[in-house]
Protein backbone atom coordinates (compact mmCIF):
# COMPACT_ATOMS: atom_id res chain seq x y z
CA MET A 1 38.05 71.58 37.93
CA SER A 2 41.26 73.06 39.22
CA ILE A 3 41.73 76.80 39.52
CA SER A 4 45.27 78.13 39.20
CA ILE A 5 46.03 80.83 41.74
CA LEU A 6 48.77 83.39 42.21
CA VAL A 7 49.00 84.82 45.74
CA VAL A 8 50.85 88.14 46.00
CA ASP A 9 51.71 89.44 49.47
CA ASP A 10 54.80 90.77 51.22
CA GLU A 11 54.05 88.86 54.45
CA PRO A 12 55.81 85.44 54.35
CA ASP A 13 53.55 83.94 57.06
CA PHE A 14 50.42 84.91 55.14
CA ILE A 15 51.79 83.46 51.89
CA GLU A 16 52.79 80.22 53.63
CA THR A 17 49.31 79.85 55.13
CA MET A 18 47.57 80.54 51.80
CA VAL A 19 49.81 78.12 49.88
CA LYS A 20 49.11 75.37 52.44
CA ARG A 21 45.37 75.97 52.41
CA PHE A 22 45.02 76.01 48.60
CA THR A 23 47.40 73.05 48.19
CA PHE A 24 45.35 71.08 50.74
CA ARG A 25 42.33 71.67 48.47
CA LYS A 26 44.33 70.44 45.45
CA MET A 27 44.38 73.89 43.87
CA PRO A 28 47.63 74.80 42.09
CA VAL A 29 49.06 77.88 43.78
CA THR A 30 52.13 80.03 43.18
CA ALA A 31 53.35 82.78 45.49
CA ALA A 32 55.01 86.12 44.83
CA SER A 33 56.30 88.46 47.52
CA SER A 34 55.86 91.69 45.52
CA GLY A 35 53.98 93.24 42.63
CA ILE A 36 57.15 93.24 40.52
CA ALA A 37 57.72 89.52 41.22
CA ALA A 38 54.07 88.81 40.33
CA LEU A 39 54.38 90.56 36.98
CA LYS A 40 57.56 88.58 36.21
CA ILE A 41 55.77 85.29 36.98
CA LEU A 42 52.79 86.34 34.83
CA GLU A 43 55.12 86.78 31.85
CA THR A 44 55.68 83.03 31.74
CA GLU A 45 52.70 81.47 33.53
CA THR A 46 48.93 81.84 33.24
CA PHE A 47 46.64 82.01 36.26
CA ASP A 48 42.89 82.04 36.62
CA VAL A 49 42.84 84.19 39.75
CA VAL A 50 45.38 86.51 41.38
CA ILE A 51 44.92 87.21 45.10
CA MET A 52 46.88 90.34 45.90
CA ASP A 53 47.49 92.56 48.89
CA VAL A 54 46.81 96.25 48.30
CA ARG A 55 49.63 97.44 50.54
CA MET A 56 53.08 96.25 49.54
CA PRO A 57 56.44 98.02 49.32
CA GLY A 58 57.61 99.00 45.84
CA LYS A 59 54.84 98.49 43.31
CA ASP A 60 51.68 98.34 45.44
CA GLY A 61 48.61 96.24 44.71
CA ILE A 62 46.74 99.02 42.88
CA GLU A 63 49.68 99.72 40.53
CA THR A 64 50.19 95.99 39.95
CA LEU A 65 46.46 95.53 39.31
CA LYS A 66 46.57 98.20 36.59
CA GLU A 67 49.47 96.37 34.90
CA ILE A 68 47.79 92.95 35.16
CA LYS A 69 44.53 94.27 33.69
CA LYS A 70 46.41 96.01 30.86
CA ARG A 71 48.48 92.94 29.93
CA TYR A 72 46.15 90.08 30.93
CA PRO A 73 42.61 91.49 30.87
CA LEU A 74 40.91 88.10 31.40
CA THR A 75 42.84 87.30 34.60
CA GLU A 76 40.62 87.95 37.60
CA VAL A 77 42.14 89.73 40.60
CA ILE A 78 40.91 89.67 44.19
CA MET A 79 42.38 92.44 46.34
CA LEU A 80 43.25 91.92 50.01
CA THR A 81 42.81 94.98 52.17
CA GLY A 82 42.82 95.93 55.84
CA HIS A 83 39.73 97.28 57.58
CA ALA A 84 41.19 100.79 57.50
CA SER A 85 41.46 100.75 53.73
CA VAL A 86 38.15 99.40 52.44
CA GLU A 87 38.13 102.30 49.99
CA SER A 88 41.32 100.93 48.40
CA GLY A 89 39.52 97.63 47.85
CA MET A 90 36.66 99.50 46.20
CA ARG A 91 39.14 101.54 44.17
CA GLY A 92 40.69 98.27 43.01
CA MET A 93 37.28 97.10 41.83
CA SER A 94 36.80 100.35 39.90
CA LEU A 95 40.12 99.55 38.15
CA GLY A 96 39.04 96.05 37.17
CA ALA A 97 39.54 93.87 40.25
CA TYR A 98 36.89 91.17 40.56
CA ASP A 99 36.36 91.73 44.29
CA TYR A 100 38.15 92.40 47.55
CA VAL A 101 38.47 90.60 50.88
CA LEU A 102 39.28 92.12 54.25
CA LYS A 103 42.31 90.99 56.22
CA PRO A 104 42.44 88.97 58.38
CA VAL A 105 41.03 86.72 55.70
CA ASP A 106 38.08 84.43 56.26
CA PHE A 107 39.39 81.56 54.11
CA ASP A 108 35.94 80.16 53.27
CA GLU A 109 34.83 83.58 52.06
CA LEU A 110 38.03 83.92 50.01
CA LEU A 111 37.57 80.45 48.53
CA GLU A 112 34.01 81.30 47.48
CA LYS A 113 35.19 84.52 45.81
CA VAL A 114 37.99 82.61 44.04
CA ARG A 115 35.42 80.16 42.65
CA LYS A 116 33.14 82.98 41.49
CA ALA A 117 36.07 84.88 39.96
CA HIS A 118 37.11 81.72 38.09
CA GLU A 119 33.57 81.26 36.78
CA SER A 120 33.58 84.89 35.61
CA LYS A 121 36.92 84.35 33.85
CA ARG A 122 35.58 81.27 32.06
CA LEU A 123 32.49 83.19 30.90
CA ASN A 124 34.65 86.08 29.68
CA GLU A 125 36.99 83.72 27.82
CA GLY A 126 33.97 82.21 26.12
CA ARG A 127 32.78 85.67 25.06
CA SER A 128 36.19 86.72 23.74
CA ALA A 129 36.43 83.51 21.68
CA THR A 130 33.26 84.31 19.74
């Protein structure tokens, strides 16, 4: 079962690492360097899980999350946040994010949350179909 992932972060090194790690696990992954770019990609492609940094220039992760949840309510979002901004991760969850992960990211923890978020999305799709 492959899980399609969109990684949204303004740090090129982080994106490169995430793309390599998901690709290595045979998980289709697309990258966006900003919230605006992510929303553009979502207009034409569907993803199971969006992994998104809270702090980005322009449209930040919280603003982008609100847009994603409004337009694509079944897409699960995992917020990435620094230790100093755990409350922004929790705020993201109150706005519909599936979960949050602290940076620097423990990839195994992130992978587990991606799998759980995907399972949640599948359950929600099943509910909305009935």
